[in-house]
Amino acid sequence: VPVKRVGALFVAELFHGPTFCFKDLGQQPLVRLLARFAELRGRRRTMLVSTTGDTGPAAMRAVSDAGSSSLDMVVFFPEGQISEMQRRQMTTVASERARVATFQGGGDDMDAPLKRLAADRAFAEQHGLCGINSYNIGRPVAQLVHYFWSYFRVLDQLGGQVGDAIDVVLPAGALGNLAAGVMAVHMGLPIRRFVAGTNANDITHRTITSGEFHRSDHMHKTLSDAINIQVPYNMERVFYYLTGGDAALVSSWMSEMDRSGRLTLPAPWLARLRERVGSCRVDDGAMCEAVRRGAEGHGYLADPHTAVALSAAWATYGDGVSPGGPPVVVLATASPCKFAESITAALGSERWSAYAAGPDFPDAARAVLEAKERPYARLAAGSGPLEATQSAW
């Protein structure tokens, strides 16, 4: 994982895995562990995955790489809300054990149907169901390694001492990375503060700024679509550590959220959250400006989600880190090669074409774009309302 300088910031590139995304570093060990345990127990596992773009390709590649006859996988993605590269990374996988289906709705609208399937114990036991989205504790446990690695690489570059603090800025979707970071802090890593960058689907920003963990009625389509999340399920873990492990209190909060779609944090807990976590809402215009600023001002091409984090970092810290302040690390979560539409919107078609034809565009990504797609299922609403169809799923 390279840690590069972009002006005064340190950018930790977590995307140098097989699908050009930070989730490779969580999915590869998790899937191998699941395969090993399934083989030891002599039973098959069927993994259900809902993806907003990056989890699905990383999971499918991990299953393919594991080569285990004990694992099957079904991946669901929202129709029209992921990039061509992300779709092709799933539909070109040559594995009979991994299947793909698209659905109508927003990025996390499949979460409830999958949760119901998992809650049906007889069905789950019959099919050996297992989830590997970041609600599986194996994902944030694997991902917390990113924080330790990035921390020590920053110390190497600055000649710092173990114990010196850093701040971390990250794009915020389902919050698996933030949960991993909070876990790292509880293990002793000296992260002074986190800053979460969101897009227009800003429930995390609203929670941190005003305590309103309220599900929005509408999912906005954005150019940073992998973080189009209406209810980040790892917020529950953040609350757990915030309250010092008060499981009963957090359970009551989440029950209220499940019942009404609205949880307002009590003022003392909101104040405690804001002591350690900040946030910034970054719309598409600000994201595109961050891509241009990185490319033109620093010679650094960021994907749209990393650009959300860069924008949040510049909005929070300005052009440089304040004197005496800790170094600021930005988590770069995906390669720009996956997001033609977003990079074109920010820089224009000529600059995207130059990048796509140039030496920085991964050969493996070109191969994906040239490969033939396999047919995949489409789960569409019937004559009734979409919500009724989703409930039937």
Protein backbone atom coordinates (compact mmCIF):
# COMPACT_ATOMS: atom_id res chain seq x y z
CA VAL A 1 0.00 0.00 0.00
CA PRO A 2 1.82 3.14 -1.18
CA VAL A 3 1.44 6.25 0.99
CA LYS A 4 1.98 9.31 -1.21
CA ARG A 5 2.19 13.04 -0.60
CA VAL A 6 -0.49 15.24 -2.16
CA GLY A 7 0.46 18.69 -1.00
CA ALA A 8 0.44 18.61 2.80
CA LEU A 9 -1.71 15.48 2.89
CA PHE A 10 -0.67 11.83 2.95
CA VAL A 11 -2.75 9.62 0.64
CA ALA A 12 -2.82 5.90 1.48
CA GLU A 13 -3.62 4.02 -1.73
CA LEU A 14 -5.61 1.01 -0.58
CA PHE A 15 -6.67 -0.03 -4.08
CA HIS A 16 -3.76 -2.05 -5.43
CA GLY A 17 -5.61 -5.37 -5.18
CA PRO A 18 -7.04 -7.49 -8.00
CA THR A 19 -10.23 -5.41 -8.43
CA PHE A 20 -8.58 -2.02 -7.81
CA CYS A 21 -10.46 -1.36 -4.58
CA PHE A 22 -9.67 -1.28 -0.85
CA LYS A 23 -12.21 -4.04 -0.27
CA ASP A 24 -9.87 -6.59 -1.84
CA LEU A 25 -7.76 -6.34 1.30
CA GLY A 26 -10.76 -7.32 3.43
CA GLN A 27 -12.51 -9.83 1.17
CA GLN A 28 -9.53 -11.97 0.22
CA PRO A 29 -8.67 -13.13 3.79
CA LEU A 30 -12.32 -13.31 4.88
CA VAL A 31 -13.38 -15.54 1.98
CA ARG A 32 -10.40 -17.83 2.47
CA LEU A 33 -11.24 -18.21 6.15
CA LEU A 34 -14.86 -19.00 5.31
CA ALA A 35 -13.74 -21.55 2.71
CA ARG A 36 -11.42 -23.21 5.20
CA PHE A 37 -14.06 -23.45 7.92
CA ALA A 38 -16.66 -24.74 5.44
CA GLU A 39 -14.26 -27.47 4.31
CA LEU A 40 -13.42 -28.44 7.88
CA ARG A 41 -17.11 -28.76 8.71
CA GLY A 42 -17.91 -30.61 5.48
CA ARG A 43 -20.69 -28.27 4.39
CA ARG A 44 -21.32 -25.73 1.66
CA ARG A 45 -21.74 -22.01 2.21
CA THR A 46 -23.79 -19.64 0.04
CA MET A 47 -22.70 -16.05 0.39
CA LEU A 48 -25.23 -13.29 -0.30
CA VAL A 49 -23.79 -9.89 -1.21
CA SER A 50 -25.46 -6.56 -1.87
CA THR A 51 -23.11 -4.09 -3.54
CA THR A 52 -23.06 -0.42 -4.46
CA GLY A 53 -20.18 -1.14 -6.80
CA ASP A 54 -16.97 -2.28 -5.10
CA THR A 55 -17.93 -5.02 -2.62
CA GLY A 56 -19.39 -7.27 -5.33
CA PRO A 57 -16.35 -7.39 -7.64
CA ALA A 58 -13.99 -7.86 -4.68
CA ALA A 59 -16.14 -10.68 -3.26
CA MET A 60 -16.52 -12.47 -6.59
CA ARG A 61 -12.81 -12.28 -7.28
CA ALA A 62 -12.05 -13.57 -3.78
CA VAL A 63 -14.37 -16.56 -4.29
CA SER A 64 -12.84 -17.25 -7.69
CA ASP A 65 -9.31 -17.00 -6.28
CA ALA A 66 -10.14 -19.25 -3.32
CA GLY A 67 -11.17 -22.02 -5.72
CA SER A 68 -13.17 -23.80 -3.04
CA SER A 69 -15.93 -26.24 -3.96
CA SER A 70 -17.56 -25.37 -0.62
CA LEU A 71 -18.45 -21.79 -1.56
CA ASP A 72 -21.22 -20.35 -3.75
CA MET A 73 -22.11 -16.68 -4.12
CA VAL A 74 -24.98 -14.50 -5.33
CA VAL A 75 -24.29 -10.78 -5.77
CA PHE A 76 -26.99 -8.11 -6.18
CA PHE A 77 -26.35 -4.59 -7.48
CA PRO A 78 -28.72 -1.64 -8.12
CA GLU A 79 -29.54 -1.27 -11.80
CA GLY A 80 -27.92 1.75 -13.45
CA GLN A 81 -26.11 2.87 -10.30
CA ILE A 82 -22.66 1.38 -10.70
CA SER A 83 -19.97 2.06 -13.29
CA GLU A 84 -19.42 -0.01 -16.44
CA MET A 85 -16.10 -1.25 -15.06
CA GLN A 86 -17.69 -2.34 -11.77
CA ARG A 87 -20.46 -4.20 -13.62
CA ARG A 88 -18.01 -5.89 -15.97
CA GLN A 89 -15.80 -6.94 -13.07
CA MET A 90 -18.74 -9.07 -11.94
CA THR A 91 -20.26 -10.18 -15.22
CA THR A 92 -16.97 -11.35 -16.73
CA VAL A 93 -15.93 -13.60 -13.82
CA ALA A 94 -15.60 -17.12 -15.21
CA SER A 95 -16.82 -19.02 -12.17
CA GLU A 96 -19.93 -21.16 -11.99
CA ARG A 97 -19.98 -20.63 -8.24
CA ALA A 98 -20.61 -16.87 -8.48
CA ARG A 99 -23.83 -15.45 -9.93
CA VAL A 100 -25.00 -11.88 -10.44
CA ALA A 101 -28.40 -10.19 -10.36
CA THR A 102 -29.42 -6.56 -10.68
CA PHE A 103 -32.39 -4.97 -8.94
CA GLN A 104 -34.41 -1.79 -9.18
CA GLY A 105 -34.02 0.64 -6.31
CA GLY A 106 -31.33 2.38 -4.30
CA GLY A 107 -27.93 1.15 -3.19
CA ASP A 108 -29.03 -0.36 0.11
CA ASP A 109 -32.61 -1.37 -0.79
CA MET A 110 -31.54 -5.01 -0.99
CA ASP A 111 -30.27 -5.03 2.59
CA ALA A 112 -33.67 -5.65 4.17
CA PRO A 113 -34.60 -8.63 1.93
CA LEU A 114 -31.19 -10.22 2.55
CA LYS A 115 -31.54 -9.60 6.26
CA ARG A 116 -34.92 -11.36 6.23
CA LEU A 117 -33.43 -14.36 4.45
CA ALA A 118 -30.65 -14.58 7.01
CA ALA A 119 -33.19 -14.27 9.85
CA ASP A 120 -35.16 -17.25 8.50
CA ARG A 121 -33.15 -19.85 10.39
CA ALA A 122 -34.54 -22.86 8.57
CA PHE A 123 -33.87 -21.33 5.16
CA ALA A 124 -30.45 -20.03 6.19
CA GLU A 125 -29.46 -23.42 7.60
CA GLN A 126 -30.70 -25.28 4.54
CA HIS A 127 -28.65 -23.13 2.16
CA GLY A 128 -25.72 -22.35 4.46
CA LEU A 129 -26.26 -18.61 4.08
CA CYS A 130 -23.45 -16.27 5.04
CA GLY A 131 -23.03 -12.53 4.50
CA ILE A 132 -19.71 -10.93 3.63
CA ASN A 133 -20.65 -7.27 3.45
CA SER A 134 -18.93 -5.21 6.12
CA TYR A 135 -21.54 -6.16 8.72
CA ASN A 136 -19.50 -9.39 8.90
CA ILE A 137 -16.96 -8.62 11.63
CA GLY A 138 -14.25 -10.28 9.54
CA ARG A 139 -14.26 -7.33 7.15
CA PRO A 140 -13.45 -4.47 9.57
CA VAL A 141 -11.03 -6.74 11.46
CA ALA A 142 -9.08 -7.25 8.24
CA GLN A 143 -9.37 -3.60 7.22
CA LEU A 144 -8.03 -2.19 10.49
CA VAL A 145 -4.60 -3.31 9.26
CA HIS A 146 -4.79 -0.39 6.78
CA TYR A 147 -4.61 2.07 9.64
CA PHE A 148 -1.56 0.55 11.29
CA TRP A 149 0.27 0.26 7.97
CA SER A 150 -0.53 3.86 6.97
CA TYR A 151 0.44 5.16 10.40
CA PHE A 152 3.89 3.59 10.33
CA ARG A 153 4.52 4.68 6.73
CA VAL A 154 3.76 8.28 7.73
CA LEU A 155 6.17 7.99 10.66
CA ASP A 156 8.80 6.65 8.26
CA GLN A 157 8.43 9.66 5.97
CA LEU A 158 8.39 12.26 8.75
CA GLY A 159 10.92 10.64 11.04
CA GLY A 160 8.28 10.63 13.77
CA GLN A 161 8.09 8.66 16.98
CA VAL A 162 5.69 5.86 17.83
CA GLY A 163 2.91 7.52 19.81
CA ASP A 164 2.74 10.64 17.63
CA ALA A 165 -0.90 11.21 16.61
CA ILE A 166 -2.43 11.42 13.14
CA ASP A 167 -5.82 12.46 11.77
CA VAL A 168 -7.59 10.32 9.15
CA VAL A 169 -10.04 11.46 6.45
CA LEU A 170 -12.08 8.84 4.59
CA PRO A 171 -15.04 8.55 2.22
CA ALA A 172 -18.06 7.36 4.18
CA GLY A 173 -20.49 4.78 2.82
CA ALA A 174 -21.55 1.80 4.94
CA LEU A 175 -18.84 2.89 7.43
CA GLY A 176 -16.89 -0.37 7.52
CA ASN A 177 -13.67 1.62 7.24
CA LEU A 178 -14.67 4.01 10.01
CA ALA A 179 -15.62 1.09 12.26
CA ALA A 180 -12.24 -0.48 11.52
CA GLY A 181 -10.51 2.77 12.42
CA VAL A 182 -12.39 3.06 15.71
CA MET A 183 -11.39 -0.52 16.51
CA ALA A 184 -7.76 0.37 15.74
CA VAL A 185 -7.97 3.26 18.19
CA HIS A 186 -9.22 0.90 20.90
CA MET A 187 -6.22 -1.30 20.14
CA GLY A 188 -3.95 1.65 20.92
CA LEU A 189 -3.32 3.33 17.56
CA PRO A 190 -2.98 7.10 18.19
CA ILE A 191 -5.56 8.50 15.76
CA ARG A 192 -6.63 11.85 17.20
CA ARG A 193 -9.63 12.43 14.95
CA PHE A 194 -11.53 11.04 11.98
CA VAL A 195 -13.26 13.11 9.29
CA ALA A 196 -15.95 11.35 7.24
CA GLY A 197 -16.68 12.69 3.76
CA THR A 198 -20.15 11.94 2.38
CA ASN A 199 -21.86 12.75 -0.89
CA ALA A 200 -25.45 14.01 -1.24
CA ASN A 201 -26.63 10.82 0.53
CA ASP A 202 -25.46 12.38 3.75
CA ILE A 203 -26.94 10.47 6.69
CA THR A 204 -23.49 10.12 8.28
CA HIS A 205 -22.88 13.87 7.98
CA ARG A 206 -26.28 14.64 9.50
CA THR A 207 -25.67 12.21 12.34
CA ILE A 208 -22.30 13.74 13.23
CA THR A 209 -23.34 17.38 12.86
CA SER A 210 -26.82 17.29 14.42
CA GLY A 211 -27.35 13.80 15.85
CA GLU A 212 -30.02 13.01 13.25
CA PHE A 213 -29.52 9.39 12.26
CA HIS A 214 -32.59 9.64 10.04
CA ARG A 215 -33.12 7.62 6.90
CA SER A 216 -33.75 9.83 3.89
CA ASP A 217 -36.86 9.30 1.80
CA HIS A 218 -34.87 9.53 -1.42
CA MET A 219 -31.62 8.06 -2.71
CA HIS A 220 -29.68 10.59 -4.80
CA LYS A 221 -27.79 9.30 -7.83
CA THR A 222 -24.28 10.72 -7.65
CA LEU A 223 -20.92 10.48 -9.39
CA SER A 224 -19.50 8.81 -6.26
CA ASP A 225 -22.05 6.01 -6.35
CA ALA A 226 -20.20 3.44 -4.22
CA ILE A 227 -21.03 5.55 -1.14
CA ASN A 228 -24.70 6.04 -2.03
CA ILE A 229 -25.93 4.72 1.31
CA GLN A 230 -29.11 5.66 3.15
CA VAL A 231 -28.51 3.69 6.37
CA PRO A 232 -24.87 2.72 7.06
CA TYR A 233 -25.07 -0.53 9.00
CA ASN A 234 -21.67 -0.06 10.64
CA MET A 235 -22.94 3.01 12.45
CA GLU A 236 -24.15 0.51 15.06
CA ARG A 237 -20.52 -0.48 15.72
CA VAL A 238 -19.49 3.17 15.95
CA PHE A 239 -22.24 3.70 18.53
CA TYR A 240 -21.11 0.60 20.42
CA TYR A 241 -17.59 1.93 20.90
CA LEU A 242 -18.91 5.46 21.50
CA THR A 243 -20.94 4.23 24.48
CA GLY A 244 -18.11 2.18 25.92
CA GLY A 245 -19.68 -1.10 24.83
CA ASP A 246 -23.19 -0.47 26.22
CA ALA A 247 -24.88 -3.15 24.12
CA ALA A 248 -28.29 -2.68 25.73
CA LEU A 249 -28.34 1.06 25.01
CA VAL A 250 -27.18 0.63 21.41
CA SER A 251 -29.72 -2.16 20.90
CA SER A 252 -32.51 0.18 22.03
CA TRP A 253 -31.26 2.87 19.65
CA MET A 254 -31.12 0.50 16.69
CA SER A 255 -34.55 -0.94 17.50
CA GLU A 256 -35.93 2.58 17.29
CA MET A 257 -34.12 3.09 13.99
CA ASP A 258 -35.51 -0.17 12.60
CA ARG A 259 -39.02 0.75 13.74
CA SER A 260 -39.23 4.36 12.62
CA GLY A 261 -36.23 5.05 10.39
CA ARG A 262 -35.27 7.88 12.75
CA LEU A 263 -32.91 8.00 15.70
CA THR A 264 -31.87 11.28 17.29
CA LEU A 265 -28.77 10.95 19.45
CA PRO A 266 -29.11 12.42 22.93
CA ALA A 267 -27.03 15.60 23.28
CA PRO A 268 -24.35 14.14 25.60
CA TRP A 269 -23.66 11.27 23.20
CA LEU A 270 -23.62 13.61 20.20
CA ALA A 271 -21.06 15.81 21.95
CA ARG A 272 -18.89 12.78 22.66
CA LEU A 273 -19.15 11.63 19.03
CA ARG A 274 -18.13 15.07 17.74
CA GLU A 275 -15.04 15.06 19.95
CA ARG A 276 -13.56 12.24 17.85
CA VAL A 277 -15.32 12.39 14.48
CA GLY A 278 -15.96 15.27 12.10
CA SER A 279 -17.73 15.24 8.75
CA CYS A 280 -18.18 17.10 5.50
CA ARG A 281 -20.88 16.89 2.83
CA VAL A 282 -19.38 16.90 -0.67
CA ASP A 283 -21.75 17.24 -3.62
CA ASP A 284 -20.84 16.27 -7.18
CA GLY A 285 -19.62 19.76 -8.01
CA ALA A 286 -17.20 19.83 -5.07
CA MET A 287 -16.08 16.29 -5.85
CA CYS A 288 -15.26 17.22 -9.45
CA GLU A 289 -13.40 20.29 -8.23
CA ALA A 290 -11.32 18.06 -5.94
CA VAL A 291 -10.46 15.77 -8.88
CA ARG A 292 -9.32 18.82 -10.87
CA ARG A 293 -7.39 20.26 -7.94
CA GLY A 294 -5.58 17.00 -7.39
CA ALA A 295 -4.77 16.51 -11.07
CA GLU A 296 -3.84 20.08 -11.95
CA GLY A 297 -2.37 21.25 -8.67
CA HIS A 298 -0.57 18.11 -7.53
CA GLY A 299 -0.34 15.76 -10.51
CA TYR A 300 -2.53 13.25 -8.67
CA LEU A 301 -5.57 11.61 -10.27
CA ALA A 302 -8.12 10.52 -7.66
CA ASP A 303 -11.20 8.39 -8.13
CA PRO A 304 -14.51 10.10 -7.19
CA HIS A 305 -14.68 8.55 -3.71
CA THR A 306 -11.12 9.48 -2.83
CA ALA A 307 -11.94 12.92 -4.23
CA VAL A 308 -14.81 13.17 -1.73
CA ALA A 309 -12.29 12.52 1.04
CA LEU A 310 -9.77 14.98 -0.44
CA SER A 311 -12.46 17.64 -0.65
CA ALA A 312 -13.41 16.97 2.98
CA ALA A 313 -9.74 17.19 4.00
CA TRP A 314 -9.18 20.50 2.22
CA ALA A 315 -12.43 21.91 3.63
CA THR A 316 -11.44 20.85 7.15
CA TYR A 317 -7.71 21.60 7.17
CA GLY A 318 -7.24 24.10 4.35
CA ASP A 319 -4.23 23.92 2.05
CA GLY A 320 -1.93 22.64 4.74
CA VAL A 321 -1.83 21.10 8.17
CA SER A 322 -1.81 23.68 10.94
CA PRO A 323 1.55 24.23 12.69
CA GLY A 324 1.88 21.74 15.50
CA GLY A 325 -1.11 19.77 14.22
CA PRO A 326 -0.95 16.05 13.45
CA PRO A 327 -0.30 14.73 9.94
CA VAL A 328 -3.48 14.09 7.94
CA VAL A 329 -3.91 10.77 6.12
CA VAL A 330 -6.54 10.43 3.39
CA LEU A 331 -7.71 6.91 2.56
CA ALA A 332 -7.79 6.38 -1.22
CA THR A 333 -10.31 3.60 -1.65
CA ALA A 334 -10.41 2.87 -5.40
CA SER A 335 -8.51 3.39 -8.63
CA PRO A 336 -9.76 6.04 -11.06
CA CYS A 337 -9.70 3.37 -13.81
CA LYS A 338 -13.12 2.17 -12.58
CA PHE A 339 -14.97 5.47 -13.05
CA ALA A 340 -14.94 6.73 -16.63
CA GLU A 341 -18.16 8.74 -16.26
CA SER A 342 -17.05 10.55 -13.11
CA ILE A 343 -13.52 11.35 -14.27
CA THR A 344 -14.89 12.53 -17.62
CA ALA A 345 -17.36 14.80 -15.80
CA ALA A 346 -14.49 16.31 -13.82
CA LEU A 347 -11.75 16.54 -16.43
CA GLY A 348 -13.38 16.11 -19.84
CA SER A 349 -13.38 13.30 -22.35
CA GLU A 350 -9.97 14.12 -23.84
CA ARG A 351 -8.17 13.79 -20.52
CA TRP A 352 -10.04 10.57 -19.68
CA SER A 353 -9.10 9.13 -23.08
CA ALA A 354 -5.47 10.10 -22.55
CA TYR A 355 -5.46 8.39 -19.15
CA ALA A 356 -7.25 5.28 -20.47
CA ALA A 357 -4.70 4.93 -23.28
CA GLY A 358 -1.71 5.75 -21.11
CA PRO A 359 0.71 3.73 -18.98
CA ASP A 360 -1.07 4.47 -15.68
CA PHE A 361 -4.22 2.61 -16.72
CA PRO A 362 -3.90 -0.99 -15.45
CA ASP A 363 -3.58 -3.69 -18.12
CA ALA A 364 -5.90 -5.91 -16.06
CA ALA A 365 -8.58 -3.21 -16.24
CA ARG A 366 -8.27 -3.07 -20.03
CA ALA A 367 -8.72 -6.84 -20.14
CA VAL A 368 -11.96 -6.54 -18.15
CA LEU A 369 -13.32 -3.95 -20.58
CA GLU A 370 -12.51 -6.22 -23.51
CA ALA A 371 -13.88 -9.45 -21.99
CA LYS A 372 -17.31 -10.81 -22.90
CA GLU A 373 -20.01 -10.36 -20.28
CA ARG A 374 -22.02 -13.32 -19.06
CA PRO A 375 -25.83 -13.02 -18.86
CA TYR A 376 -27.17 -11.97 -15.46
CA ALA A 377 -30.59 -11.92 -13.85
CA ARG A 378 -32.72 -8.78 -13.56
CA LEU A 379 -35.10 -8.49 -10.63
CA ALA A 380 -37.69 -5.95 -11.77
CA ALA A 381 -40.83 -4.55 -10.23
CA GLY A 382 -44.03 -6.05 -11.56
CA SER A 383 -47.32 -4.28 -11.95
CA GLY A 384 -47.41 -3.32 -8.26
CA PRO A 385 -45.26 -0.85 -6.35
CA LEU A 386 -41.49 -1.39 -6.27
CA GLU A 387 -41.53 -1.68 -2.47
CA ALA A 388 -43.93 -4.64 -2.69
CA THR A 389 -41.66 -6.38 -5.20
CA GLN A 390 -38.64 -5.81 -2.97
CA SER A 391 -40.51 -7.23 -0.01
CA ALA A 392 -41.26 -10.35 -2.06
CA TRP A 393 -37.54 -10.74 -2.88
